[in-house]
Amino acid sequence: MLSRIQRVVGDFLRREDGPTAVEYAVMLALIIVVCIGAITTIGQNASSTFTTVGTAVGSASS
């Protein structure tokens, strides 16, 4: 039983799939962080624009 576990762990450490999967996970995490930052910035800019336009329309109609 113990030798089987050692063999499985050894095979896992020798395979190249593990590090590649970790690299892809890190890249995906970085892409998600950049997307969230961009969406947040665009949302804040859009909110500011809508507030400015709403204020201008509100003052023009009064």
N, C-alpha and C. Protein backbone atom coordinates (compact mmCIF):
# COMPACT_ATOMS: atom_id res chain seq x y z
N MET A 1 0.82 -1.19 0.00
CA MET A 1 0.00 0.00 0.00
C MET A 1 0.87 1.26 0.00
N LEU A 2 1.88 1.28 0.87
CA LEU A 2 2.75 2.44 0.97
C LEU A 2 3.58 2.62 -0.30
N SER A 3 4.04 1.52 -0.87
CA SER A 3 4.83 1.64 -2.11
C SER A 3 3.96 2.12 -3.27
N ARG A 4 2.69 1.76 -3.26
CA ARG A 4 1.77 2.24 -4.32
C ARG A 4 1.58 3.75 -4.21
N ILE A 5 1.41 4.24 -2.99
CA ILE A 5 1.26 5.69 -2.78
C ILE A 5 2.53 6.41 -3.20
N GLN A 6 3.69 5.85 -2.84
CA GLN A 6 4.95 6.47 -3.23
C GLN A 6 5.08 6.51 -4.76
N ARG A 7 4.65 5.44 -5.42
CA ARG A 7 4.74 5.38 -6.88
C ARG A 7 3.81 6.43 -7.51
N VAL A 8 2.60 6.55 -6.97
CA VAL A 8 1.64 7.52 -7.52
C VAL A 8 2.17 8.94 -7.33
N VAL A 9 2.69 9.24 -6.15
CA VAL A 9 3.23 10.58 -5.88
C VAL A 9 4.44 10.84 -6.77
N GLY A 10 5.30 9.85 -6.92
CA GLY A 10 6.47 10.00 -7.79
C GLY A 10 6.08 10.24 -9.23
N ASP A 11 5.09 9.49 -9.72
CA ASP A 11 4.62 9.69 -11.10
C ASP A 11 4.03 11.09 -11.27
N PHE A 12 3.28 11.55 -10.26
CA PHE A 12 2.68 12.88 -10.34
C PHE A 12 3.76 13.96 -10.41
N LEU A 13 4.81 13.82 -9.62
CA LEU A 13 5.86 14.83 -9.59
C LEU A 13 6.70 14.82 -10.87
N ARG A 14 6.81 13.68 -11.53
CA ARG A 14 7.59 13.59 -12.77
C ARG A 14 6.83 14.07 -13.99
N ARG A 15 5.51 14.02 -13.95
CA ARG A 15 4.74 14.42 -15.13
C ARG A 15 4.85 15.92 -15.37
N GLU A 16 4.71 16.32 -16.62
CA GLU A 16 4.79 17.73 -17.00
C GLU A 16 3.42 18.40 -16.96
N ASP A 17 2.35 17.65 -16.80
CA ASP A 17 1.01 18.22 -16.84
C ASP A 17 0.73 19.13 -15.65
N GLY A 18 1.23 18.78 -14.48
CA GLY A 18 0.97 19.55 -13.27
C GLY A 18 1.45 20.98 -13.36
N PRO A 19 2.73 21.22 -13.66
CA PRO A 19 3.21 22.60 -13.76
C PRO A 19 2.51 23.38 -14.87
N THR A 20 2.19 22.73 -15.97
CA THR A 20 1.51 23.42 -17.06
C THR A 20 0.13 23.87 -16.61
N ALA A 21 -0.59 23.03 -15.89
CA ALA A 21 -1.91 23.39 -15.39
C ALA A 21 -1.82 24.56 -14.41
N VAL A 22 -0.80 24.56 -13.58
CA VAL A 22 -0.62 25.65 -12.63
C VAL A 22 -0.32 26.96 -13.37
N GLU A 23 0.50 26.89 -14.40
CA GLU A 23 0.80 28.09 -15.18
C GLU A 23 -0.45 28.65 -15.84
N TYR A 24 -1.28 27.77 -16.38
CA TYR A 24 -2.52 28.23 -16.99
C TYR A 24 -3.45 28.83 -15.95
N ALA A 25 -3.50 28.26 -14.77
CA ALA A 25 -4.35 28.80 -13.71
C ALA A 25 -3.87 30.19 -13.29
N VAL A 26 -2.56 30.38 -13.21
CA VAL A 26 -2.03 31.69 -12.84
C VAL A 26 -2.34 32.72 -13.93
N MET A 27 -2.17 32.32 -15.19
CA MET A 27 -2.49 33.24 -16.29
C MET A 27 -3.97 33.61 -16.27
N LEU A 28 -4.84 32.62 -16.03
CA LEU A 28 -6.27 32.89 -15.98
C LEU A 28 -6.61 33.84 -14.84
N ALA A 29 -5.99 33.65 -13.69
CA ALA A 29 -6.23 34.54 -12.56
C ALA A 29 -5.80 35.97 -12.89
N LEU A 30 -4.66 36.13 -13.54
CA LEU A 30 -4.20 37.47 -13.91
C LEU A 30 -5.14 38.12 -14.92
N ILE A 31 -5.61 37.34 -15.88
CA ILE A 31 -6.55 37.87 -16.87
C ILE A 31 -7.84 38.31 -16.19
N ILE A 32 -8.32 37.52 -15.24
CA ILE A 32 -9.55 37.89 -14.52
C ILE A 32 -9.35 39.18 -13.73
N VAL A 33 -8.20 39.32 -13.08
CA VAL A 33 -7.92 40.55 -12.31
C VAL A 33 -7.90 41.76 -13.23
N VAL A 34 -7.26 41.64 -14.38
CA VAL A 34 -7.21 42.76 -15.33
C VAL A 34 -8.61 43.09 -15.84
N CYS A 35 -9.39 42.08 -16.15
CA CYS A 35 -10.77 42.33 -16.63
C CYS A 35 -11.61 43.02 -15.57
N ILE A 36 -11.51 42.58 -14.34
CA ILE A 36 -12.28 43.22 -13.26
C ILE A 36 -11.86 44.67 -13.10
N GLY A 37 -10.56 44.93 -13.15
CA GLY A 37 -10.08 46.31 -13.05
C GLY A 37 -10.58 47.17 -14.20
N ALA A 38 -10.56 46.63 -15.42
CA ALA A 38 -11.03 47.39 -16.57
C ALA A 38 -12.53 47.66 -16.48
N ILE A 39 -13.29 46.66 -16.09
CA ILE A 39 -14.74 46.82 -15.98
C ILE A 39 -15.08 47.84 -14.89
N THR A 40 -14.35 47.80 -13.79
CA THR A 40 -14.58 48.77 -12.71
C THR A 40 -14.29 50.19 -13.19
N THR A 41 -13.19 50.37 -13.88
CA THR A 41 -12.83 51.70 -14.39
C THR A 41 -13.85 52.20 -15.39
N ILE A 42 -14.24 51.34 -16.31
CA ILE A 42 -15.24 51.73 -17.32
C ILE A 42 -16.56 52.06 -16.66
N GLY A 43 -16.93 51.28 -15.65
CA GLY A 43 -18.19 51.54 -14.93
C GLY A 43 -18.17 52.86 -14.22
N GLN A 44 -17.05 53.19 -13.59
CA GLN A 44 -16.95 54.48 -12.90
C GLN A 44 -16.99 55.64 -13.88
N ASN A 45 -16.32 55.48 -15.02
CA ASN A 45 -16.35 56.54 -16.04
C ASN A 45 -17.76 56.70 -16.61
N ALA A 46 -18.44 55.60 -16.84
CA ALA A 46 -19.81 55.68 -17.37
C ALA A 46 -20.73 56.34 -16.35
N SER A 47 -20.58 55.99 -15.09
CA SER A 47 -21.41 56.60 -14.04
C SER A 47 -21.17 58.10 -13.97
N SER A 48 -19.93 58.51 -14.06
CA SER A 48 -19.61 59.93 -14.03
C SER A 48 -20.21 60.65 -15.23
N THR A 49 -20.13 60.02 -16.41
CA THR A 49 -20.69 60.62 -17.62
C THR A 49 -22.21 60.76 -17.50
N PHE A 50 -22.88 59.71 -17.03
CA PHE A 50 -24.33 59.77 -16.88
C PHE A 50 -24.75 60.81 -15.85
N THR A 51 -23.97 60.95 -14.79
CA THR A 51 -24.28 61.97 -13.79
C THR A 51 -24.15 63.37 -14.38
N THR A 52 -23.09 63.59 -15.14
CA THR A 52 -22.89 64.90 -15.78
C THR A 52 -24.01 65.21 -16.75
N VAL A 53 -24.36 64.23 -17.58
CA VAL A 53 -25.43 64.45 -18.56
C VAL A 53 -26.76 64.65 -17.86
N GLY A 54 -27.04 63.85 -16.82
CA GLY A 54 -28.29 64.00 -16.09
C GLY A 54 -28.41 65.36 -15.41
N THR A 55 -27.31 65.84 -14.87
CA THR A 55 -27.31 67.16 -14.23
C THR A 55 -27.54 68.25 -15.27
N ALA A 56 -26.90 68.11 -16.43
CA ALA A 56 -27.07 69.11 -17.49
C ALA A 56 -28.49 69.10 -18.03
N VAL A 57 -29.08 67.95 -18.20
CA VAL A 57 -30.45 67.87 -18.70
C VAL A 57 -31.42 68.38 -17.65
N GLY A 58 -31.16 68.05 -16.38
CA GLY A 58 -32.05 68.51 -15.30
C GLY A 58 -32.02 70.01 -15.14
N SER A 59 -30.88 70.63 -15.27
CA SER A 59 -30.79 72.07 -15.12
C SER A 59 -31.33 72.79 -16.34
N ALA A 60 -31.27 72.15 -17.52
CA ALA A 60 -31.78 72.77 -18.73
C ALA A 60 -33.30 72.73 -18.78
N SER A 61 -33.91 71.72 -18.16
CA SER A 61 -35.37 71.60 -18.22
C SER A 61 -36.06 72.40 -17.15
N SER A 62 -35.32 72.90 -16.16
CA SER A 62 -35.94 73.65 -15.06
C SER A 62 -36.17 75.08 -15.41
